[in-house]
Amino acid sequence: MVMLKRFNKLAAMVLCAAGISGMADAQEMSDPAKDASVQDVLACRALASNSERLACLDQAMPALEAAFPVEKLSAQEQLEITVRQNEQTQKAAEKVFGQSIDQQARVQTKSASKGQAVSNIERKKELKQIASQIVRIELTPLKKAIVYLENGQVWKQLEADDYIVRVKSSLGKEAVIKKKLLGGYTLRIGNKRAFRVQRLK
């Protein structure tokens, strides 16, 4: 995980140093040593096996760090690296928001099989709420809502909750899902009353 954390940081560094600042400096972009170090790291990403990929990164890292030393980046470039890292962490946290431990384990196993390991640091970043647009709503035989969100998540109203969701008037509205202090989650559509939900997907 430490190696993945270093890779994420340096990947952001490469994007800033070789992709943003370098665009204004053609000579910097054509530096053979920098080009080779970036290509070596990108080649590692294509390896399917986690162990092979990490071993490859371990070998490629020293050259990449030497080619893009953090201390030589401008304050703006270092800020851009931080912003990119925060965005990646935020997206990872939103992805697992509301998932049970079993659901998170299944996602992690599936991601690992595709060579997309998830950082423990990203998974520990806890959100209090998320918001996304409603794209579809289904009702169960007991008239409980199953809400499909634009971000790909699916939330189901708990059987014990007596709130009645109006399907037609709710479509296209923003849903805000909040984590309760004592556990569980609520979903609010617009300015309507919040109802209790659990995440299905």
N, C-alpha and C. Protein backbone atom coordinates (compact mmCIF):
# COMPACT_ATOMS: atom_id res chain seq x y z
N MET A 1 0.82 -1.21 0.00
CA MET A 1 0.00 0.00 0.00
C MET A 1 0.86 1.27 0.00
N VAL A 2 2.02 1.17 0.69
CA VAL A 2 2.91 2.32 0.70
C VAL A 2 3.38 2.63 -0.71
N MET A 3 3.70 1.55 -1.47
CA MET A 3 4.14 1.74 -2.84
C MET A 3 3.04 2.34 -3.70
N LEU A 4 1.78 1.88 -3.50
CA LEU A 4 0.66 2.43 -4.26
C LEU A 4 0.45 3.90 -3.92
N LYS A 5 0.62 4.25 -2.65
CA LYS A 5 0.47 5.64 -2.23
C LYS A 5 1.52 6.50 -2.92
N ARG A 6 2.79 5.99 -2.95
CA ARG A 6 3.85 6.73 -3.62
C ARG A 6 3.57 6.85 -5.10
N PHE A 7 3.04 5.77 -5.70
CA PHE A 7 2.73 5.81 -7.12
C PHE A 7 1.66 6.84 -7.44
N ASN A 8 0.60 6.91 -6.63
CA ASN A 8 -0.45 7.89 -6.85
C ASN A 8 0.09 9.30 -6.79
N LYS A 9 0.97 9.54 -5.82
CA LYS A 9 1.55 10.87 -5.67
C LYS A 9 2.41 11.22 -6.87
N LEU A 10 3.25 10.28 -7.29
CA LEU A 10 4.13 10.55 -8.41
C LEU A 10 3.38 10.60 -9.74
N ALA A 11 2.30 9.82 -9.84
CA ALA A 11 1.49 9.89 -11.05
C ALA A 11 0.91 11.28 -11.20
N ALA A 12 0.43 11.84 -10.09
CA ALA A 12 -0.08 13.21 -10.13
C ALA A 12 1.04 14.18 -10.46
N MET A 13 2.23 13.91 -9.94
CA MET A 13 3.38 14.76 -10.20
C MET A 13 3.72 14.75 -11.69
N VAL A 14 3.67 13.56 -12.29
CA VAL A 14 3.97 13.43 -13.71
C VAL A 14 2.98 14.23 -14.55
N LEU A 15 1.69 14.12 -14.17
CA LEU A 15 0.66 14.85 -14.91
C LEU A 15 0.91 16.36 -14.86
N CYS A 16 1.32 16.84 -13.68
CA CYS A 16 1.57 18.27 -13.53
C CYS A 16 2.87 18.68 -14.21
N ALA A 17 3.95 17.95 -13.92
CA ALA A 17 5.25 18.35 -14.43
C ALA A 17 5.42 18.08 -15.91
N ALA A 18 4.94 16.91 -16.36
CA ALA A 18 5.14 16.54 -17.75
C ALA A 18 3.96 16.91 -18.63
N GLY A 19 2.80 17.10 -18.03
CA GLY A 19 1.62 17.38 -18.83
C GLY A 19 1.14 18.80 -18.80
N ILE A 20 1.34 19.50 -17.68
CA ILE A 20 0.83 20.86 -17.56
C ILE A 20 1.94 21.87 -17.81
N SER A 21 2.94 21.88 -16.94
CA SER A 21 4.03 22.81 -17.11
C SER A 21 4.81 22.51 -18.38
N GLY A 22 4.96 21.23 -18.67
CA GLY A 22 5.75 20.85 -19.84
C GLY A 22 5.16 21.32 -21.15
N MET A 23 3.86 21.54 -21.18
CA MET A 23 3.23 22.00 -22.40
C MET A 23 3.76 23.36 -22.80
N ALA A 24 4.18 24.13 -21.83
CA ALA A 24 4.70 25.46 -22.12
C ALA A 24 6.19 25.41 -22.42
N ASP A 25 6.82 24.24 -22.30
CA ASP A 25 8.25 24.11 -22.48
C ASP A 25 8.53 22.84 -23.28
N ALA A 26 8.63 22.94 -24.58
CA ALA A 26 8.78 21.79 -25.45
C ALA A 26 10.06 21.04 -25.16
N GLN A 27 11.11 21.75 -24.82
CA GLN A 27 12.37 21.08 -24.51
C GLN A 27 12.23 20.18 -23.29
N GLU A 28 11.49 20.64 -22.26
CA GLU A 28 11.28 19.86 -21.05
C GLU A 28 10.51 18.59 -21.37
N MET A 29 9.56 18.71 -22.28
CA MET A 29 8.74 17.56 -22.64
C MET A 29 9.56 16.50 -23.37
N SER A 30 10.63 16.93 -24.11
CA SER A 30 11.39 16.00 -24.92
C SER A 30 12.62 15.46 -24.20
N ASP A 31 12.72 15.69 -22.91
CA ASP A 31 13.84 15.18 -22.13
C ASP A 31 13.80 13.65 -22.16
N PRO A 32 14.82 12.99 -22.75
CA PRO A 32 14.80 11.51 -22.89
C PRO A 32 14.67 10.78 -21.56
N ALA A 33 15.39 11.27 -20.53
CA ALA A 33 15.36 10.61 -19.22
C ALA A 33 13.96 10.66 -18.62
N LYS A 34 13.32 11.82 -18.73
CA LYS A 34 11.97 11.96 -18.18
C LYS A 34 10.97 11.13 -18.97
N ASP A 35 11.10 11.17 -20.29
CA ASP A 35 10.19 10.38 -21.13
C ASP A 35 10.31 8.90 -20.80
N ALA A 36 11.53 8.43 -20.63
CA ALA A 36 11.76 7.00 -20.36
C ALA A 36 11.20 6.61 -19.00
N SER A 37 11.38 7.48 -17.99
CA SER A 37 10.89 7.15 -16.65
C SER A 37 9.37 7.09 -16.62
N VAL A 38 8.72 7.97 -17.35
CA VAL A 38 7.25 7.97 -17.41
C VAL A 38 6.77 6.71 -18.14
N GLN A 39 7.39 6.38 -19.25
CA GLN A 39 6.99 5.20 -20.02
C GLN A 39 7.16 3.92 -19.21
N ASP A 40 8.24 3.86 -18.41
CA ASP A 40 8.46 2.67 -17.58
C ASP A 40 7.33 2.48 -16.57
N VAL A 41 6.89 3.58 -15.96
CA VAL A 41 5.80 3.50 -14.99
C VAL A 41 4.50 3.13 -15.67
N LEU A 42 4.21 3.74 -16.82
CA LEU A 42 2.99 3.42 -17.54
C LEU A 42 2.97 1.96 -17.98
N ALA A 43 4.13 1.42 -18.31
CA ALA A 43 4.20 0.00 -18.70
C ALA A 43 3.83 -0.91 -17.54
N CYS A 44 4.17 -0.49 -16.31
CA CYS A 44 3.84 -1.29 -15.12
C CYS A 44 2.34 -1.41 -14.94
N ARG A 45 1.61 -0.36 -15.29
CA ARG A 45 0.16 -0.36 -15.08
C ARG A 45 -0.53 -1.42 -15.92
N ALA A 46 0.12 -1.87 -16.99
CA ALA A 46 -0.52 -2.85 -17.88
C ALA A 46 -0.42 -4.27 -17.35
N LEU A 47 0.40 -4.49 -16.33
CA LEU A 47 0.55 -5.83 -15.77
C LEU A 47 -0.68 -6.23 -14.97
N ALA A 48 -1.20 -7.43 -15.20
CA ALA A 48 -2.44 -7.87 -14.54
C ALA A 48 -2.23 -8.28 -13.10
N SER A 49 -1.09 -8.89 -12.81
CA SER A 49 -0.82 -9.39 -11.46
C SER A 49 -0.40 -8.27 -10.53
N ASN A 50 -1.04 -8.22 -9.34
CA ASN A 50 -0.68 -7.19 -8.36
C ASN A 50 0.79 -7.28 -7.97
N SER A 51 1.27 -8.49 -7.72
CA SER A 51 2.66 -8.66 -7.28
C SER A 51 3.63 -8.24 -8.37
N GLU A 52 3.34 -8.59 -9.62
CA GLU A 52 4.22 -8.21 -10.73
C GLU A 52 4.20 -6.70 -10.94
N ARG A 53 2.99 -6.12 -10.82
CA ARG A 53 2.87 -4.68 -11.03
C ARG A 53 3.62 -3.89 -9.96
N LEU A 54 3.49 -4.32 -8.69
CA LEU A 54 4.19 -3.64 -7.60
C LEU A 54 5.70 -3.80 -7.72
N ALA A 55 6.14 -4.99 -8.13
CA ALA A 55 7.58 -5.21 -8.33
C ALA A 55 8.10 -4.32 -9.44
N CYS A 56 7.32 -4.19 -10.49
CA CYS A 56 7.69 -3.33 -11.61
C CYS A 56 7.77 -1.87 -11.16
N LEU A 57 6.78 -1.43 -10.39
CA LEU A 57 6.77 -0.06 -9.89
C LEU A 57 7.95 0.20 -8.96
N ASP A 58 8.28 -0.81 -8.17
CA ASP A 58 9.40 -0.68 -7.24
C ASP A 58 10.69 -0.40 -7.99
N GLN A 59 10.84 -1.04 -9.14
CA GLN A 59 12.03 -0.82 -9.95
C GLN A 59 11.99 0.51 -10.69
N ALA A 60 10.80 0.92 -11.11
CA ALA A 60 10.67 2.14 -11.92
C ALA A 60 10.67 3.42 -11.09
N MET A 61 10.29 3.34 -9.82
CA MET A 61 10.13 4.51 -8.97
C MET A 61 11.39 5.38 -8.85
N PRO A 62 12.56 4.80 -8.57
CA PRO A 62 13.75 5.65 -8.37
C PRO A 62 14.02 6.58 -9.55
N ALA A 63 13.88 6.06 -10.77
CA ALA A 63 14.12 6.88 -11.96
C ALA A 63 13.07 7.97 -12.09
N LEU A 64 11.82 7.63 -11.76
CA LEU A 64 10.75 8.61 -11.85
C LEU A 64 10.94 9.72 -10.82
N GLU A 65 11.30 9.34 -9.59
CA GLU A 65 11.52 10.33 -8.55
C GLU A 65 12.70 11.24 -8.89
N ALA A 66 13.72 10.66 -9.51
CA ALA A 66 14.89 11.47 -9.90
C ALA A 66 14.54 12.43 -11.04
N ALA A 67 13.67 11.97 -11.95
CA ALA A 67 13.30 12.81 -13.09
C ALA A 67 12.35 13.93 -12.71
N PHE A 68 11.53 13.69 -11.68
CA PHE A 68 10.54 14.69 -11.25
C PHE A 68 10.65 14.96 -9.76
N PRO A 69 11.76 15.55 -9.29
CA PRO A 69 11.90 15.83 -7.85
C PRO A 69 10.88 16.86 -7.39
N VAL A 70 10.18 16.56 -6.30
CA VAL A 70 9.13 17.45 -5.81
C VAL A 70 9.66 18.83 -5.49
N GLU A 71 10.89 18.89 -4.93
CA GLU A 71 11.41 20.18 -4.49
C GLU A 71 11.68 21.13 -5.66
N LYS A 72 11.74 20.60 -6.90
CA LYS A 72 11.99 21.46 -8.05
C LYS A 72 10.71 21.95 -8.73
N LEU A 73 9.58 21.46 -8.25
CA LEU A 73 8.31 21.92 -8.81
C LEU A 73 7.94 23.26 -8.21
N SER A 74 7.22 24.04 -8.98
CA SER A 74 6.78 25.34 -8.49
C SER A 74 5.68 25.14 -7.44
N ALA A 75 5.38 26.20 -6.69
CA ALA A 75 4.33 26.13 -5.68
C ALA A 75 2.99 25.79 -6.32
N GLN A 76 2.75 26.33 -7.53
CA GLN A 76 1.49 26.06 -8.22
C GLN A 76 1.39 24.59 -8.62
N GLU A 77 2.50 24.02 -9.09
CA GLU A 77 2.50 22.61 -9.49
C GLU A 77 2.29 21.71 -8.28
N GLN A 78 2.92 22.04 -7.15
CA GLN A 78 2.73 21.24 -5.94
C GLN A 78 1.29 21.34 -5.45
N LEU A 79 0.69 22.53 -5.60
CA LEU A 79 -0.71 22.70 -5.22
C LEU A 79 -1.61 21.84 -6.11
N GLU A 80 -1.30 21.79 -7.41
CA GLU A 80 -2.10 20.99 -8.33
C GLU A 80 -2.00 19.50 -7.99
N ILE A 81 -0.81 19.05 -7.55
CA ILE A 81 -0.64 17.67 -7.13
C ILE A 81 -1.55 17.36 -5.94
N THR A 82 -1.54 18.28 -4.96
CA THR A 82 -2.37 18.10 -3.77
C THR A 82 -3.85 18.05 -4.13
N VAL A 83 -4.27 18.94 -5.03
CA VAL A 83 -5.68 18.98 -5.46
C VAL A 83 -6.06 17.67 -6.12
N ARG A 84 -5.21 17.15 -6.99
CA ARG A 84 -5.49 15.89 -7.67
C ARG A 84 -5.61 14.73 -6.68
N GLN A 85 -4.71 14.71 -5.70
CA GLN A 85 -4.76 13.64 -4.70
C GLN A 85 -6.04 13.72 -3.89
N ASN A 86 -6.44 14.94 -3.51
CA ASN A 86 -7.68 15.11 -2.74
C ASN A 86 -8.90 14.69 -3.54
N GLU A 87 -8.89 15.00 -4.85
CA GLU A 87 -10.01 14.61 -5.71
C GLU A 87 -10.12 13.09 -5.80
N GLN A 88 -8.97 12.43 -5.94
CA GLN A 88 -8.96 10.97 -6.03
C GLN A 88 -9.47 10.34 -4.74
N THR A 89 -9.04 10.89 -3.60
CA THR A 89 -9.47 10.37 -2.31
C THR A 89 -10.97 10.59 -2.10
N GLN A 90 -11.47 11.77 -2.51
CA GLN A 90 -12.89 12.09 -2.37
C GLN A 90 -13.73 11.12 -3.20
N LYS A 91 -13.31 10.86 -4.43
CA LYS A 91 -14.06 9.95 -5.30
C LYS A 91 -14.07 8.53 -4.72
N ALA A 92 -12.94 8.11 -4.18
CA ALA A 92 -12.87 6.77 -3.59
C ALA A 92 -13.78 6.66 -2.39
N ALA A 93 -13.84 7.73 -1.58
CA ALA A 93 -14.70 7.73 -0.39
C ALA A 93 -16.18 7.70 -0.78
N GLU A 94 -16.55 8.45 -1.82
CA GLU A 94 -17.94 8.46 -2.28
C GLU A 94 -18.33 7.08 -2.82
N LYS A 95 -17.37 6.41 -3.44
CA LYS A 95 -17.67 5.10 -4.04
C LYS A 95 -18.07 4.08 -2.99
N VAL A 96 -17.46 4.13 -1.80
CA VAL A 96 -17.76 3.13 -0.77
C VAL A 96 -18.76 3.64 0.27
N PHE A 97 -19.23 4.88 0.12
CA PHE A 97 -20.17 5.46 1.08
C PHE A 97 -21.43 4.61 1.18
N GLY A 98 -21.77 4.18 2.39
CA GLY A 98 -23.00 3.43 2.60
C GLY A 98 -22.88 1.94 2.37
N GLN A 99 -21.74 1.46 1.89
CA GLN A 99 -21.59 0.04 1.65
C GLN A 99 -21.33 -0.71 2.96
N SER A 100 -21.85 -1.91 3.04
CA SER A 100 -21.56 -2.76 4.18
C SER A 100 -20.13 -3.29 4.05
N ILE A 101 -19.62 -3.89 5.12
CA ILE A 101 -18.28 -4.46 5.09
C ILE A 101 -18.18 -5.53 4.02
N ASP A 102 -19.24 -6.36 3.89
CA ASP A 102 -19.25 -7.42 2.88
C ASP A 102 -19.22 -6.84 1.47
N GLN A 103 -20.00 -5.77 1.25
CA GLN A 103 -20.02 -5.13 -0.06
C GLN A 103 -18.66 -4.56 -0.40
N GLN A 104 -18.02 -3.90 0.58
CA GLN A 104 -16.70 -3.33 0.35
C GLN A 104 -15.68 -4.42 0.04
N ALA A 105 -15.79 -5.55 0.72
CA ALA A 105 -14.87 -6.66 0.49
C ALA A 105 -15.03 -7.21 -0.93
N ARG A 106 -16.28 -7.32 -1.38
CA ARG A 106 -16.52 -7.82 -2.73
C ARG A 106 -15.96 -6.87 -3.78
N VAL A 107 -16.17 -5.56 -3.56
CA VAL A 107 -15.66 -4.56 -4.49
C VAL A 107 -14.15 -4.59 -4.53
N GLN A 108 -13.53 -4.70 -3.36
CA GLN A 108 -12.07 -4.71 -3.29
C GLN A 108 -11.51 -5.93 -4.01
N THR A 109 -12.17 -7.09 -3.83
CA THR A 109 -11.73 -8.31 -4.50
C THR A 109 -11.87 -8.18 -6.00
N LYS A 110 -12.99 -7.64 -6.45
CA LYS A 110 -13.23 -7.46 -7.88
C LYS A 110 -12.24 -6.47 -8.47
N SER A 111 -11.98 -5.37 -7.74
CA SER A 111 -11.04 -4.36 -8.22
C SER A 111 -9.64 -4.92 -8.29
N ALA A 112 -9.26 -5.70 -7.29
CA ALA A 112 -7.92 -6.27 -7.27
C ALA A 112 -7.71 -7.20 -8.45
N SER A 113 -8.78 -7.93 -8.83
CA SER A 113 -8.67 -8.85 -9.95
C SER A 113 -8.45 -8.11 -11.26
N LYS A 114 -8.82 -6.82 -11.29
CA LYS A 114 -8.62 -6.02 -12.48
C LYS A 114 -7.37 -5.15 -12.39
N GLY A 115 -6.64 -5.35 -11.31
CA GLY A 115 -5.42 -4.58 -11.14
C GLY A 115 -5.68 -3.17 -10.68
N GLN A 116 -6.75 -2.96 -9.91
CA GLN A 116 -7.10 -1.62 -9.43
C GLN A 116 -7.24 -1.64 -7.92
N ALA A 117 -6.14 -1.87 -7.21
CA ALA A 117 -6.17 -1.94 -5.75
C ALA A 117 -6.61 -0.62 -5.15
N VAL A 118 -7.34 -0.69 -4.03
CA VAL A 118 -7.85 0.51 -3.37
C VAL A 118 -7.04 0.77 -2.10
N SER A 119 -6.59 2.00 -1.94
CA SER A 119 -5.77 2.37 -0.80
C SER A 119 -6.57 2.36 0.49
N ASN A 120 -5.96 1.85 1.58
CA ASN A 120 -6.61 1.88 2.90
C ASN A 120 -6.89 3.31 3.32
N ILE A 121 -6.01 4.22 2.96
CA ILE A 121 -6.20 5.62 3.32
C ILE A 121 -7.45 6.16 2.67
N GLU A 122 -7.67 5.81 1.41
CA GLU A 122 -8.85 6.28 0.70
C GLU A 122 -10.12 5.71 1.36
N ARG A 123 -10.06 4.43 1.77
CA ARG A 123 -11.24 3.78 2.31
C ARG A 123 -11.59 4.28 3.70
N LYS A 124 -10.60 4.83 4.42
CA LYS A 124 -10.84 5.30 5.77
C LYS A 124 -11.36 6.74 5.80
N LYS A 125 -11.29 7.42 4.66
CA LYS A 125 -11.79 8.80 4.63
C LYS A 125 -13.31 8.74 4.71
N GLU A 126 -13.85 9.19 5.80
CA GLU A 126 -15.27 9.04 6.04
C GLU A 126 -16.06 10.28 5.66
N LEU A 127 -17.11 10.08 4.89
CA LEU A 127 -17.99 11.18 4.50
C LEU A 127 -19.25 11.15 5.36
N LYS A 128 -19.82 12.31 5.58
CA LYS A 128 -21.06 12.41 6.34
C LYS A 128 -22.27 12.36 5.42
N GLN A 129 -22.10 12.80 4.18
CA GLN A 129 -23.21 12.78 3.23
C GLN A 129 -22.70 12.88 1.80
N ILE A 130 -23.54 12.46 0.86
CA ILE A 130 -23.25 12.63 -0.56
C ILE A 130 -24.53 13.10 -1.24
N ALA A 131 -24.41 13.58 -2.46
CA ALA A 131 -25.58 14.03 -3.22
C ALA A 131 -25.42 13.62 -4.67
N SER A 132 -26.53 13.21 -5.30
CA SER A 132 -26.50 12.82 -6.70
C SER A 132 -27.92 12.91 -7.26
N GLN A 133 -28.01 13.09 -8.56
CA GLN A 133 -29.32 13.21 -9.20
C GLN A 133 -30.01 11.86 -9.34
N ILE A 134 -31.31 11.85 -9.16
CA ILE A 134 -32.11 10.62 -9.30
C ILE A 134 -32.40 10.39 -10.78
N VAL A 135 -32.06 9.19 -11.27
CA VAL A 135 -32.31 8.86 -12.67
C VAL A 135 -33.46 7.87 -12.83
N ARG A 136 -33.76 7.11 -11.77
CA ARG A 136 -34.86 6.15 -11.84
C ARG A 136 -35.31 5.77 -10.44
N ILE A 137 -36.61 5.48 -10.32
CA ILE A 137 -37.16 5.00 -9.05
C ILE A 137 -38.09 3.83 -9.34
N GLU A 138 -37.90 2.76 -8.60
CA GLU A 138 -38.81 1.61 -8.68
C GLU A 138 -39.48 1.43 -7.33
N LEU A 139 -40.65 0.84 -7.34
CA LEU A 139 -41.36 0.55 -6.10
C LEU A 139 -41.49 -0.96 -5.92
N THR A 140 -41.22 -1.41 -4.72
CA THR A 140 -41.36 -2.83 -4.40
C THR A 140 -42.85 -3.14 -4.23
N PRO A 141 -43.22 -4.42 -4.15
CA PRO A 141 -44.63 -4.77 -3.91
C PRO A 141 -45.20 -4.11 -2.65
N LEU A 142 -44.34 -3.79 -1.69
CA LEU A 142 -44.79 -3.12 -0.46
C LEU A 142 -44.69 -1.60 -0.57
N LYS A 143 -44.50 -1.09 -1.81
CA LYS A 143 -44.45 0.35 -2.09
C LYS A 143 -43.25 1.05 -1.46
N LYS A 144 -42.17 0.31 -1.30
CA LYS A 144 -40.93 0.92 -0.82
C LYS A 144 -40.07 1.27 -2.03
N ALA A 145 -39.42 2.44 -1.97
CA ALA A 145 -38.69 2.95 -3.13
C ALA A 145 -37.30 2.36 -3.25
N ILE A 146 -36.93 2.08 -4.50
CA ILE A 146 -35.55 1.73 -4.83
C ILE A 146 -35.07 2.86 -5.73
N VAL A 147 -34.10 3.62 -5.24
CA VAL A 147 -33.68 4.85 -5.90
C VAL A 147 -32.34 4.64 -6.62
N TYR A 148 -32.34 4.92 -7.92
CA TYR A 148 -31.13 4.80 -8.75
C TYR A 148 -30.56 6.20 -8.97
N LEU A 149 -29.29 6.35 -8.67
CA LEU A 149 -28.65 7.66 -8.75
C LEU A 149 -27.70 7.77 -9.95
N GLU A 150 -27.46 9.00 -10.33
CA GLU A 150 -26.58 9.27 -11.47
C GLU A 150 -25.16 8.77 -11.23
N ASN A 151 -24.73 8.73 -9.98
CA ASN A 151 -23.37 8.27 -9.68
C ASN A 151 -23.23 6.75 -9.70
N GLY A 152 -24.32 6.04 -10.04
CA GLY A 152 -24.28 4.59 -10.15
C GLY A 152 -24.74 3.85 -8.91
N GLN A 153 -24.96 4.57 -7.83
CA GLN A 153 -25.40 3.92 -6.59
C GLN A 153 -26.90 3.64 -6.61
N VAL A 154 -27.29 2.60 -5.86
CA VAL A 154 -28.71 2.23 -5.75
C VAL A 154 -29.03 2.09 -4.26
N TRP A 155 -30.08 2.80 -3.82
CA TRP A 155 -30.48 2.79 -2.41
C TRP A 155 -31.93 2.34 -2.29
N LYS A 156 -32.19 1.51 -1.28
CA LYS A 156 -33.55 0.99 -1.07
C LYS A 156 -34.11 1.50 0.25
N GLN A 157 -35.36 1.92 0.20
CA GLN A 157 -36.05 2.36 1.41
C GLN A 157 -36.28 1.17 2.33
N LEU A 158 -36.04 1.37 3.62
CA LEU A 158 -36.23 0.29 4.58
C LEU A 158 -37.70 -0.06 4.72
N GLU A 159 -37.97 -1.33 4.94
CA GLU A 159 -39.35 -1.81 5.05
C GLU A 159 -40.10 -1.12 6.19
N ALA A 160 -39.38 -0.80 7.28
CA ALA A 160 -40.03 -0.21 8.45
C ALA A 160 -40.35 1.28 8.27
N ASP A 161 -39.82 1.90 7.22
CA ASP A 161 -40.06 3.33 7.01
C ASP A 161 -41.40 3.53 6.30
N ASP A 162 -42.24 4.43 6.82
CA ASP A 162 -43.59 4.59 6.28
C ASP A 162 -43.74 5.74 5.29
N TYR A 163 -42.63 6.40 4.93
CA TYR A 163 -42.72 7.52 3.98
C TYR A 163 -43.07 7.00 2.59
N ILE A 164 -43.95 7.71 1.89
CA ILE A 164 -44.35 7.33 0.54
C ILE A 164 -43.65 8.23 -0.47
N VAL A 165 -42.84 7.63 -1.32
CA VAL A 165 -42.09 8.38 -2.32
C VAL A 165 -42.94 8.58 -3.57
N ARG A 166 -43.04 9.84 -4.01
CA ARG A 166 -43.78 10.16 -5.23
C ARG A 166 -42.82 10.04 -6.40
N VAL A 167 -42.99 8.99 -7.20
CA VAL A 167 -42.03 8.67 -8.25
C VAL A 167 -41.90 9.77 -9.29
N LYS A 168 -42.99 10.17 -9.90
CA LYS A 168 -42.93 11.13 -11.01
C LYS A 168 -42.33 12.46 -10.59
N SER A 169 -42.72 12.97 -9.44
CA SER A 169 -42.23 14.28 -9.00
C SER A 169 -40.80 14.21 -8.47
N SER A 170 -40.30 13.01 -8.26
CA SER A 170 -38.95 12.87 -7.70
C SER A 170 -37.87 12.68 -8.76
N LEU A 171 -38.26 12.23 -9.94
CA LEU A 171 -37.29 11.98 -11.00
C LEU A 171 -36.56 13.26 -11.39
N GLY A 172 -35.26 13.16 -11.53
CA GLY A 172 -34.46 14.32 -11.91
C GLY A 172 -34.05 15.21 -10.75
N LYS A 173 -34.64 14.97 -9.59
CA LYS A 173 -34.30 15.77 -8.41
C LYS A 173 -32.99 15.27 -7.80
N GLU A 174 -32.41 16.12 -6.96
CA GLU A 174 -31.18 15.73 -6.26
C GLU A 174 -31.54 14.97 -4.99
N ALA A 175 -30.86 13.85 -4.80
CA ALA A 175 -31.04 13.07 -3.57
C ALA A 175 -29.82 13.30 -2.69
N VAL A 176 -30.06 13.58 -1.42
CA VAL A 176 -28.98 13.76 -0.46
C VAL A 176 -29.05 12.62 0.55
N ILE A 177 -27.99 11.83 0.59
CA ILE A 177 -27.94 10.71 1.54
C ILE A 177 -27.01 11.08 2.68
N LYS A 178 -27.52 10.99 3.90
CA LYS A 178 -26.74 11.35 5.08
C LYS A 178 -26.54 10.14 5.99
N LYS A 179 -25.38 10.11 6.62
CA LYS A 179 -25.10 9.08 7.60
C LYS A 179 -25.59 9.56 8.96
N LYS A 180 -26.39 8.74 9.66
CA LYS A 180 -26.93 9.11 10.97
C LYS A 180 -25.88 8.88 12.05
N LEU A 181 -25.99 9.65 13.11
CA LEU A 181 -25.02 9.58 14.20
C LEU A 181 -24.96 8.19 14.84
N LEU A 182 -26.11 7.55 14.97
CA LEU A 182 -26.17 6.25 15.62
C LEU A 182 -26.18 5.09 14.63
N GLY A 183 -25.79 5.37 13.39
CA GLY A 183 -25.75 4.33 12.38
C GLY A 183 -26.92 4.40 11.42
N GLY A 184 -26.75 3.86 10.25
CA GLY A 184 -27.80 3.89 9.24
C GLY A 184 -27.72 5.15 8.39
N TYR A 185 -28.60 5.21 7.38
CA TYR A 185 -28.58 6.31 6.43
C TYR A 185 -29.99 6.79 6.12
N THR A 186 -30.10 8.07 5.78
CA THR A 186 -31.38 8.63 5.35
C THR A 186 -31.20 9.27 3.98
N LEU A 187 -32.27 9.29 3.22
CA LEU A 187 -32.26 9.90 1.89
C LEU A 187 -33.33 10.97 1.83
N ARG A 188 -32.96 12.14 1.38
CA ARG A 188 -33.91 13.25 1.25
C ARG A 188 -33.97 13.68 -0.21
N ILE A 189 -35.18 13.83 -0.73
CA ILE A 189 -35.39 14.29 -2.10
C ILE A 189 -35.89 15.72 -2.05
N GLY A 190 -35.09 16.65 -2.53
CA GLY A 190 -35.47 18.06 -2.48
C GLY A 190 -35.70 18.50 -1.05
N ASN A 191 -36.85 19.14 -0.82
CA ASN A 191 -37.17 19.62 0.54
C ASN A 191 -38.17 18.70 1.26
N LYS A 192 -38.33 17.49 0.73
CA LYS A 192 -39.26 16.54 1.35
C LYS A 192 -38.64 15.91 2.60
N ARG A 193 -39.45 15.17 3.33
CA ARG A 193 -38.96 14.51 4.54
C ARG A 193 -37.98 13.40 4.17
N ALA A 194 -36.94 13.27 4.95
CA ALA A 194 -35.95 12.21 4.73
C ALA A 194 -36.53 10.86 5.16
N PHE A 195 -36.14 9.81 4.45
CA PHE A 195 -36.57 8.47 4.83
C PHE A 195 -35.35 7.55 4.92
N ARG A 196 -35.49 6.49 5.69
CA ARG A 196 -34.36 5.59 5.96
C ARG A 196 -34.10 4.65 4.79
N VAL A 197 -32.83 4.46 4.48
CA VAL A 197 -32.44 3.64 3.35
C VAL A 197 -31.22 2.79 3.68
N GLN A 198 -30.98 1.83 2.80
CA GLN A 198 -29.74 1.06 2.83
C GLN A 198 -29.24 0.94 1.39
N ARG A 199 -27.94 0.85 1.25
CA ARG A 199 -27.38 0.80 -0.09
C ARG A 199 -27.41 -0.62 -0.63
N LEU A 200 -27.90 -0.75 -1.88
CA LEU A 200 -27.92 -2.05 -2.55
C LEU A 200 -26.72 -2.21 -3.47
N LYS A 201 -26.30 -1.11 -4.11
CA LYS A 201 -25.20 -1.16 -5.08
C LYS A 201 -24.38 0.11 -4.98
